């Protein structure tokens, strides 16, 4: 199928420029030939003038008409060439008449003009045919970009060359892969957001219902006993606190799922980080009579994000506080060596079975269904925070012997980076 060349403003400017260049070349060629012809004519006239002058001096008895007739008459050219050659005037420089040379110059001029015209036509045909193919490739790229805009991601690597359009096509294909990955990631993030909203709605429903019932009882209680009123108000405060923590934890988890959290890399001293976490859990530990035993070398440190790592450690220690018996003890130890840095949290809880250990970090998994304030989100959040920083969590637990959590950060989780 013959391609159709589209004359746009760009190609009109190119054609005008090429036409001007061609006219300039043609003019220069004809001007050069005209100057050469005039120079040859002048030299030939000078040669004739010298010849007539010398003949008039050597042979004054000869009439001028006789000299002109001798010059124009046909003679023995071979003998003349031999005589001239003996005196250093070679055959290629001898000419019987300039009229023949002028004819040859005219033929040469016409031939050069015809050649330039034909060359221009052939070159123009080839050039604009190539430009037509170029326009086809550009149109194909435009159609491809339109299909991308409609969400039709496809890769076509045929007819790949080394020209600039092939390079542009390769870059577009790279962009296609990137856009497709971003689109897929957006779908995953949208699904994660929908799951997060559903999880929050499900988890908030129970405490919200409890608060609503308690408020209704307080409103219609009439002469309610003050002790009962205080107990209802305390329960409302507890449920509201649980909902506040749940929403905050779910928002943090949603940010992690969406991949919008940027973890800083700073040097964290273990002792300072652990003390910060224990200060935040002081009231909860005091209420349950939990004591902390901390054994961390002063120089032990690792690299991570202070705020998010503290959040992960807080959830693990908080889990130990919630599942330790009244008046129990939680041991926290720190270790740093050439391979990794580790924080170990050991509680005196009831321990876990192997099946419970497998489900421990699942979202909303509650190993103690009797605890209404435990929604099973803290450990899942802690695991994701640690893993996104290149670390991991180990769990060692036996029924009746408590649980040990080990938060471990490798010194170089990404070799060569």
Protein backbone atom coordinates (compact mmCIF):
# COMPACT_ATOMS: atom_id res chain seq x y z
CA UNK A 1 0.00 0.00 0.00
CA UNK A 2 1.50 3.32 -1.08
CA UNK A 3 2.08 5.66 1.82
CA UNK A 4 0.71 9.16 1.70
CA UNK A 5 3.01 12.02 2.64
CA UNK A 6 1.32 14.69 4.71
CA UNK A 7 2.43 18.26 4.04
CA UNK A 8 2.49 20.01 7.35
CA UNK A 9 4.12 23.31 8.20
CA UNK A 10 7.37 21.63 9.24
CA UNK A 11 7.81 19.75 5.98
CA UNK A 12 6.91 22.86 3.97
CA UNK A 13 9.73 24.72 5.71
CA UNK A 14 12.11 21.81 5.03
CA UNK A 15 11.08 21.68 1.34
CA UNK A 16 11.57 25.44 0.99
CA UNK A 17 15.01 25.20 2.57
CA UNK A 18 16.05 22.26 0.35
CA UNK A 19 14.74 24.11 -2.73
CA UNK A 20 16.78 27.18 -1.84
CA UNK A 21 19.89 25.03 -1.33
CA UNK A 22 19.33 23.30 -4.69
CA UNK A 23 18.88 26.62 -6.53
CA UNK A 24 22.07 27.90 -4.89
CA UNK A 25 24.02 24.79 -6.01
CA UNK A 26 22.62 25.00 -9.55
CA UNK A 27 23.43 28.71 -9.77
CA UNK A 28 26.95 28.16 -8.44
CA UNK A 29 27.59 25.33 -10.93
CA UNK A 30 26.43 27.41 -13.93
CA UNK A 31 28.32 30.44 -12.73
CA UNK A 32 31.50 28.37 -12.40
CA UNK A 33 31.10 26.95 -15.90
CA UNK A 34 30.41 30.43 -17.35
CA UNK A 35 33.51 31.86 -15.68
CA UNK A 36 35.58 28.93 -16.91
CA UNK A 37 34.28 29.41 -20.47
CA UNK A 38 35.06 33.14 -20.42
CA UNK A 39 38.53 32.48 -19.04
CA UNK A 40 39.24 29.86 -21.74
CA UNK A 41 37.94 32.24 -24.43
CA UNK A 42 40.15 35.03 -23.16
CA UNK A 43 43.21 32.77 -23.09
CA UNK A 44 42.47 31.53 -26.61
CA UNK A 45 42.07 35.09 -27.90
CA UNK A 46 45.35 36.03 -26.26
CA UNK A 47 47.02 33.06 -27.97
CA UNK A 48 45.60 34.10 -31.37
CA UNK A 49 46.62 37.69 -30.82
CA UNK A 50 50.20 36.65 -30.03
CA UNK A 51 50.25 34.35 -33.06
CA UNK A 52 49.02 37.08 -35.46
CA UNK A 53 51.44 39.60 -34.01
CA UNK A 54 54.42 37.28 -34.35
CA UNK A 55 53.45 36.21 -37.89
CA UNK A 56 53.08 39.85 -38.96
CA UNK A 57 56.59 40.61 -37.71
CA UNK A 58 58.18 37.47 -39.15
CA UNK A 59 56.32 37.54 -42.46
CA UNK A 60 55.45 41.19 -43.18
CA UNK A 61 54.84 40.34 -46.87
CA UNK A 62 51.79 38.21 -45.94
CA UNK A 63 48.44 39.87 -45.94
CA UNK A 64 46.21 39.67 -42.85
CA UNK A 65 43.47 37.95 -44.88
CA UNK A 66 45.93 35.17 -45.76
CA UNK A 67 46.81 34.64 -42.11
CA UNK A 68 43.14 34.36 -41.15
CA UNK A 69 42.51 31.91 -44.02
CA UNK A 70 45.47 29.78 -42.92
CA UNK A 71 44.12 29.71 -39.36
CA UNK A 72 40.65 28.66 -40.45
CA UNK A 73 41.67 26.16 -43.15
CA UNK A 74 41.86 22.40 -42.63
CA UNK A 75 45.40 21.06 -42.77
CA UNK A 76 47.64 18.17 -41.83
CA UNK A 77 46.87 18.10 -38.12
CA UNK A 78 49.06 15.07 -37.42
CA UNK A 79 52.16 16.85 -38.78
CA UNK A 80 51.22 19.94 -36.80
CA UNK A 81 50.89 17.95 -33.56
CA UNK A 82 54.33 16.38 -34.13
CA UNK A 83 55.96 19.74 -34.73
CA UNK A 84 54.35 21.23 -31.63
CA UNK A 85 55.31 18.22 -29.55
CA UNK A 86 58.97 18.68 -30.50
CA UNK A 87 58.86 22.11 -28.86
CA UNK A 88 57.04 21.01 -25.72
CA UNK A 89 53.48 21.81 -26.82
CA UNK A 90 51.62 18.53 -26.35
CA UNK A 91 48.59 17.28 -28.17
CA UNK A 92 46.09 17.89 -25.38
CA UNK A 93 46.91 21.59 -25.44
CA UNK A 94 46.57 22.00 -29.23
CA UNK A 95 43.29 23.01 -30.79
CA UNK A 96 42.45 23.93 -34.32
CA UNK A 97 39.60 26.21 -33.32
CA UNK A 98 37.94 27.46 -30.17
CA UNK A 99 34.50 26.88 -31.70
CA UNK A 100 34.82 23.13 -31.00
CA UNK A 101 35.92 23.80 -27.46
CA UNK A 102 32.95 26.12 -26.93
CA UNK A 103 30.62 23.44 -28.21
CA UNK A 104 32.06 21.01 -25.71
CA UNK A 105 31.71 23.56 -22.91
CA UNK A 106 28.06 24.15 -23.83
CA UNK A 107 27.49 20.40 -23.84
CA UNK A 108 29.22 20.14 -20.49
CA UNK A 109 27.08 22.96 -19.08
CA UNK A 110 23.89 21.33 -20.30
CA UNK A 111 24.98 17.95 -18.99
CA UNK A 112 25.79 19.34 -15.56
CA UNK A 113 22.37 21.05 -15.38
CA UNK A 114 20.55 17.91 -16.48
CA UNK A 115 22.50 15.84 -13.97
CA UNK A 116 21.72 18.24 -11.13
CA UNK A 117 18.01 18.25 -12.02
CA UNK A 118 17.83 14.45 -12.20
CA UNK A 119 19.86 14.10 -8.99
CA UNK A 120 17.50 16.53 -7.25
CA UNK A 121 14.45 14.58 -8.43
CA UNK A 122 15.87 11.22 -7.36
CA UNK A 123 17.13 12.57 -4.04
CA UNK A 124 13.83 14.34 -3.38
CA UNK A 125 11.92 11.14 -4.16
CA UNK A 126 14.08 9.09 -1.81
CA UNK A 127 14.11 11.74 0.90
CA UNK A 128 10.40 12.40 1.00
CA UNK A 129 9.65 8.68 0.79
CA UNK A 130 11.83 8.26 3.88
CA UNK A 131 10.03 11.17 5.50
CA UNK A 132 6.73 9.48 4.69
CA UNK A 133 7.87 6.34 6.49
CA UNK A 134 8.99 8.53 9.37
CA UNK A 135 5.54 10.08 9.53
CA UNK A 136 4.01 6.60 9.57
CA UNK A 137 6.20 5.66 12.56
CA UNK A 138 5.28 8.88 14.34
CA UNK A 139 1.58 8.21 13.67
CA UNK A 140 2.02 4.68 15.05
CA UNK A 141 3.62 6.11 18.19
CA UNK A 142 0.73 8.59 18.53
CA UNK A 143 -1.79 5.74 18.25
CA UNK A 144 0.17 3.78 20.83
CA UNK A 145 0.12 6.70 23.26
CA UNK A 146 -3.63 7.03 22.73
CA UNK A 147 -4.07 3.34 23.56
CA UNK A 148 -2.03 3.89 26.73
CA UNK A 149 -4.38 6.69 27.68
CA UNK A 150 -7.25 4.22 27.33
CA UNK A 151 -5.46 1.75 29.59
CA UNK A 152 -4.51 -0.69 26.83
CA UNK A 153 -1.01 -1.74 27.86
CA UNK A 154 0.77 -3.84 25.28
CA UNK A 155 4.42 -4.29 24.28
CA UNK A 156 5.43 -4.49 20.59
CA UNK A 157 9.15 -4.77 19.89
CA UNK A 158 9.10 -5.57 16.17
CA UNK A 159 10.86 -3.30 13.65
CA UNK A 160 13.24 -2.14 16.32
CA UNK A 161 16.29 -0.34 14.96
CA UNK A 162 18.97 2.09 15.97
CA UNK A 163 17.35 5.32 14.74
CA UNK A 164 16.07 8.00 17.06
CA UNK A 165 12.43 6.92 16.65
CA UNK A 166 13.31 3.39 17.74
CA UNK A 167 15.02 4.88 20.78
CA UNK A 168 11.90 6.93 21.49
CA UNK A 169 9.74 3.83 21.07
CA UNK A 170 11.93 1.93 23.52
CA UNK A 171 11.57 4.73 26.06
CA UNK A 172 7.79 4.66 25.56
CA UNK A 173 7.78 0.91 26.16
CA UNK A 174 9.74 1.46 29.39
CA UNK A 175 7.15 4.06 30.37
CA UNK A 176 4.45 1.53 29.50
CA UNK A 177 5.88 -1.00 31.94
CA UNK A 178 6.19 1.67 34.61
CA UNK A 179 2.62 2.87 34.08
CA UNK A 180 1.30 -0.68 34.15
CA UNK A 181 3.14 -1.38 37.41
CA UNK A 182 1.82 1.85 38.89
CA UNK A 183 -1.70 0.99 37.76
CA UNK A 184 -1.43 -2.46 39.33
CA UNK A 185 0.01 -0.96 42.49
CA UNK A 186 -2.83 1.57 42.57
CA UNK A 187 -5.34 -1.27 42.37
CA UNK A 188 -3.59 -3.08 45.22
CA UNK A 189 -3.54 0.10 47.30
CA UNK A 190 -7.21 0.71 46.55
CA UNK A 191 -8.06 -2.83 47.63
CA UNK A 192 -5.94 -2.39 50.77
CA UNK A 193 -7.73 0.85 51.55
CA UNK A 194 -11.10 -0.81 51.08
CA UNK A 195 -10.02 -3.66 53.37
CA UNK A 196 -8.77 -1.17 55.94
CA UNK A 197 -12.07 0.71 55.91
CA UNK A 198 -13.98 -2.57 56.25
CA UNK A 199 -11.71 -3.68 59.09
CA UNK A 200 -12.13 -0.40 60.96
CA UNK A 201 -15.90 -0.53 60.51
CA UNK A 202 -16.02 -4.11 61.77
CA UNK A 203 -13.76 -3.53 64.77
CA UNK A 204 -15.41 -0.27 65.80
CA UNK A 205 -18.92 -1.69 65.66
CA UNK A 206 -18.67 -3.64 68.95
CA UNK A 207 -17.20 -0.90 71.22
CA UNK A 208 -19.45 1.69 69.60
CA UNK A 209 -22.49 -0.44 70.34
CA UNK A 210 -21.33 -0.86 73.94
CA UNK A 211 -20.84 2.89 74.36
CA UNK A 212 -24.29 3.54 72.86
CA UNK A 213 -25.95 1.08 75.28
CA UNK A 214 -24.10 2.53 78.26
CA UNK A 215 -25.03 6.08 77.33
CA UNK A 216 -28.69 5.04 76.93
CA UNK A 217 -28.59 3.44 80.38
CA UNK A 218 -27.10 6.57 81.89
CA UNK A 219 -29.67 8.76 80.18
CA UNK A 220 -32.64 6.68 81.34
CA UNK A 221 -31.20 5.54 84.64
CA UNK A 222 -33.07 8.07 86.73
CA UNK A 223 -31.91 7.59 90.34
CA UNK A 224 -28.97 5.33 89.30
CA UNK A 225 -26.57 4.37 92.04
CA UNK A 226 -23.43 6.52 91.96
CA UNK A 227 -21.14 3.46 91.99
CA UNK A 228 -22.95 2.00 88.99
CA UNK A 229 -22.79 5.38 87.23
CA UNK A 230 -19.03 5.59 87.84
CA UNK A 231 -18.58 2.04 86.57
CA UNK A 232 -20.57 2.87 83.41
CA UNK A 233 -18.53 6.04 82.83
CA UNK A 234 -15.27 4.16 83.35
CA UNK A 235 -16.40 1.54 80.83
CA UNK A 236 -17.31 4.26 78.33
CA UNK A 237 -13.88 5.84 78.79
CA UNK A 238 -12.21 2.45 78.28
CA UNK A 239 -14.19 1.72 75.12
CA UNK A 240 -13.45 5.19 73.70
CA UNK A 241 -9.76 4.73 74.46
CA UNK A 242 -9.79 1.37 72.70
CA UNK A 243 -11.51 2.88 69.66
CA UNK A 244 -8.98 5.72 69.58
CA UNK A 245 -6.07 3.28 69.63
CA UNK A 246 -7.73 1.09 67.00
CA UNK A 247 -8.30 3.95 64.57
CA UNK A 248 -4.74 5.24 65.07
CA UNK A 249 -3.28 1.75 64.52
CA UNK A 250 -5.41 1.16 61.42
CA UNK A 251 -4.36 4.51 59.94
CA UNK A 252 -0.72 3.63 60.49
CA UNK A 253 -1.25 0.21 58.93
CA UNK A 254 -3.03 1.80 55.97
CA UNK A 255 -0.09 4.14 55.39
CA UNK A 256 2.28 1.18 55.40
CA UNK A 257 0.06 -0.77 52.99
CA UNK A 258 -0.15 2.22 50.66
CA UNK A 259 3.66 2.52 50.58
CA UNK A 260 3.67 6.23 51.46
CA UNK A 261 5.88 5.88 54.54
CA UNK A 262 9.53 6.87 54.13
CA UNK A 263 11.69 5.27 56.80
CA UNK A 264 14.63 7.34 57.95
CA UNK A 265 17.98 5.74 58.63
CA UNK A 266 19.52 7.10 61.83
CA UNK A 267 21.65 5.63 64.56
CA UNK A 268 19.44 4.50 67.45
CA UNK A 269 20.76 3.54 70.85
CA UNK A 270 18.84 0.52 72.13
CA UNK A 271 18.75 1.67 75.76
CA UNK A 272 17.23 5.04 74.85
CA UNK A 273 14.67 3.48 72.52
CA UNK A 274 13.58 0.89 75.10
CA UNK A 275 13.29 3.52 77.83
CA UNK A 276 11.10 5.66 75.58
CA UNK A 277 8.75 2.69 75.06
CA UNK A 278 8.65 1.82 78.78
CA UNK A 279 7.79 5.41 79.67
CA UNK A 280 4.75 5.21 77.40
CA UNK A 281 3.63 1.94 79.02
CA UNK A 282 4.26 3.01 82.60
CA UNK A 283 0.58 3.42 83.57
CA UNK A 284 -0.51 0.12 81.96
CA UNK A 285 2.34 -1.79 83.62
CA UNK A 286 1.68 -0.20 87.02
CA UNK A 287 -2.01 -1.03 86.82
CA UNK A 288 -1.20 -4.72 86.22
CA UNK A 289 1.77 -4.73 88.59
CA UNK A 290 4.23 -5.64 85.83
CA UNK A 291 7.95 -5.10 86.43
CA UNK A 292 10.53 -4.62 83.67
CA UNK A 293 14.00 -6.10 83.77
CA UNK A 294 16.22 -4.33 81.24
CA UNK A 295 19.67 -5.62 80.26
CA UNK A 296 21.06 -3.58 77.38
CA UNK A 297 24.70 -2.53 76.88
CA UNK A 298 25.06 1.24 76.84
CA UNK A 299 26.89 1.25 73.50
CA UNK A 300 24.46 -1.12 71.70
CA UNK A 301 22.86 0.60 68.69
CA UNK A 302 21.46 0.01 65.21
CA UNK A 303 20.17 2.04 62.27
CA UNK A 304 16.45 2.63 61.73
CA UNK A 305 13.57 5.07 61.97
CA UNK A 306 13.11 6.16 65.60
CA UNK A 307 9.39 6.88 65.55
CA UNK A 308 8.30 3.79 63.60
CA UNK A 309 10.71 1.41 65.33
CA UNK A 310 9.49 2.66 68.71
CA UNK A 311 5.92 1.97 67.54
CA UNK A 312 6.84 -1.63 66.63
CA UNK A 313 8.66 -2.24 69.94
CA UNK A 314 5.78 -0.61 71.86
CA UNK A 315 3.27 -3.06 70.35
CA UNK A 316 5.42 -6.07 71.23
CA UNK A 317 6.05 -4.94 74.83
CA UNK A 318 2.38 -3.95 75.15
CA UNK A 319 1.44 -7.47 74.01
CA UNK A 320 3.66 -8.86 76.78
CA UNK A 321 2.06 -6.60 79.38
CA UNK A 322 -1.45 -7.64 78.31
CA UNK A 323 -0.69 -11.38 78.42
CA UNK A 324 1.54 -11.52 81.49
CA UNK A 325 -0.08 -12.51 84.81
CA UNK A 326 -0.80 -9.92 87.48
CA UNK A 327 2.50 -8.97 89.14
CA UNK A 328 4.56 -10.65 86.42
CA UNK A 329 7.93 -9.68 84.98
CA UNK A 330 9.03 -8.80 81.44
CA UNK A 331 12.70 -9.15 80.55
CA UNK A 332 14.15 -6.93 77.80
CA UNK A 333 17.67 -7.62 76.55
CA UNK A 334 19.78 -6.02 73.84
CA UNK A 335 22.65 -7.40 71.78
CA UNK A 336 24.85 -6.09 68.99
CA UNK A 337 27.46 -7.99 67.02
CA UNK A 338 29.09 -7.75 63.61
CA UNK A 339 26.13 -9.36 61.85
CA UNK A 340 23.01 -7.95 63.49
CA UNK A 341 21.50 -5.93 66.34
CA UNK A 342 18.75 -7.52 68.41
CA UNK A 343 16.19 -6.57 71.04
CA UNK A 344 14.63 -9.48 72.92
CA UNK A 345 11.33 -9.22 74.84
CA UNK A 346 10.40 -12.18 77.08
CA UNK A 347 7.10 -12.32 78.99
CA UNK A 348 5.65 -14.79 81.52
CA UNK A 349 2.36 -15.36 79.74
CA UNK A 350 0.56 -18.60 79.01
CA UNK A 351 2.65 -19.29 75.90
CA UNK A 352 1.58 -20.33 72.41
CA UNK A 353 0.93 -23.53 70.56
CA UNK A 354 2.54 -24.13 67.15
CA UNK A 355 -0.78 -23.35 65.44
CA UNK A 356 -1.07 -20.07 67.34
CA UNK A 357 2.49 -19.08 66.41
CA UNK A 358 1.64 -19.46 62.71
CA UNK A 359 -1.35 -17.11 63.03
CA UNK A 360 0.23 -14.71 65.53
CA UNK A 361 1.04 -11.90 63.08
CA UNK A 362 -2.17 -12.09 61.10
CA UNK A 363 -4.30 -8.99 60.98
CA UNK A 364 -7.00 -9.01 63.72
CA UNK A 365 -5.89 -12.37 65.03
CA UNK A 366 -6.79 -12.52 68.74
CA UNK A 367 -5.18 -15.43 70.57
CA UNK A 368 -7.10 -14.56 73.73
CA UNK A 369 -10.75 -14.33 72.73
CA UNK A 370 -11.71 -13.65 76.33
CA UNK A 371 -10.05 -10.21 76.16
CA UNK A 372 -12.52 -7.76 74.62
CA UNK A 373 -9.90 -4.97 74.41
CA UNK A 374 -7.49 -7.03 72.29
CA UNK A 375 -8.10 -6.65 68.58
CA UNK A 376 -4.99 -8.45 67.30
CA UNK A 377 -3.56 -5.56 65.28
CA UNK A 378 -0.44 -4.52 67.21
CA UNK A 379 1.77 -7.50 66.35
CA UNK A 380 0.83 -7.38 62.66
CA UNK A 381 1.74 -3.69 62.60
CA UNK A 382 5.04 -4.37 64.41
CA UNK A 383 6.01 -7.10 61.96
CA UNK A 384 5.38 -4.94 58.92
CA UNK A 385 7.32 -1.98 60.37
CA UNK A 386 10.35 -4.15 61.15
CA UNK A 387 10.34 -5.95 57.80
CA UNK A 388 10.04 -2.74 55.80
CA UNK A 389 13.28 -1.62 57.48
CA UNK A 390 15.14 -4.77 56.47
CA UNK A 391 14.68 -6.64 59.75
CA UNK A 392 12.59 -9.55 60.95
CA UNK A 393 10.92 -10.88 64.12
CA UNK A 394 11.52 -14.31 65.63
CA UNK A 395 9.11 -15.95 68.09
CA UNK A 396 9.94 -18.71 70.55
CA UNK A 397 7.08 -19.86 72.76
CA UNK A 398 5.90 -22.92 74.67
CA UNK A 399 2.61 -23.42 76.42
CA UNK A 400 3.01 -22.52 80.09
CA UNK A 401 6.55 -21.11 79.62
CA UNK A 402 5.88 -17.63 78.20
CA UNK A 403 6.82 -16.09 74.86
CA UNK A 404 10.06 -14.58 73.60
CA UNK A 405 10.08 -12.05 70.77
CA UNK A 406 13.36 -11.20 69.05
CA UNK A 407 13.50 -8.08 66.88
CA UNK A 408 16.59 -8.41 64.68
CA UNK A 409 18.11 -5.88 62.29
CA UNK A 410 20.93 -6.99 59.98
CA UNK A 411 23.92 -4.68 59.77
CA UNK A 412 23.80 -4.65 55.94
CA UNK A 413 20.43 -5.97 54.73
CA UNK A 414 21.15 -4.87 51.13
CA UNK A 415 24.73 -5.79 50.16
CA UNK A 416 26.28 -3.66 47.47
CA UNK A 417 23.83 -0.79 47.94
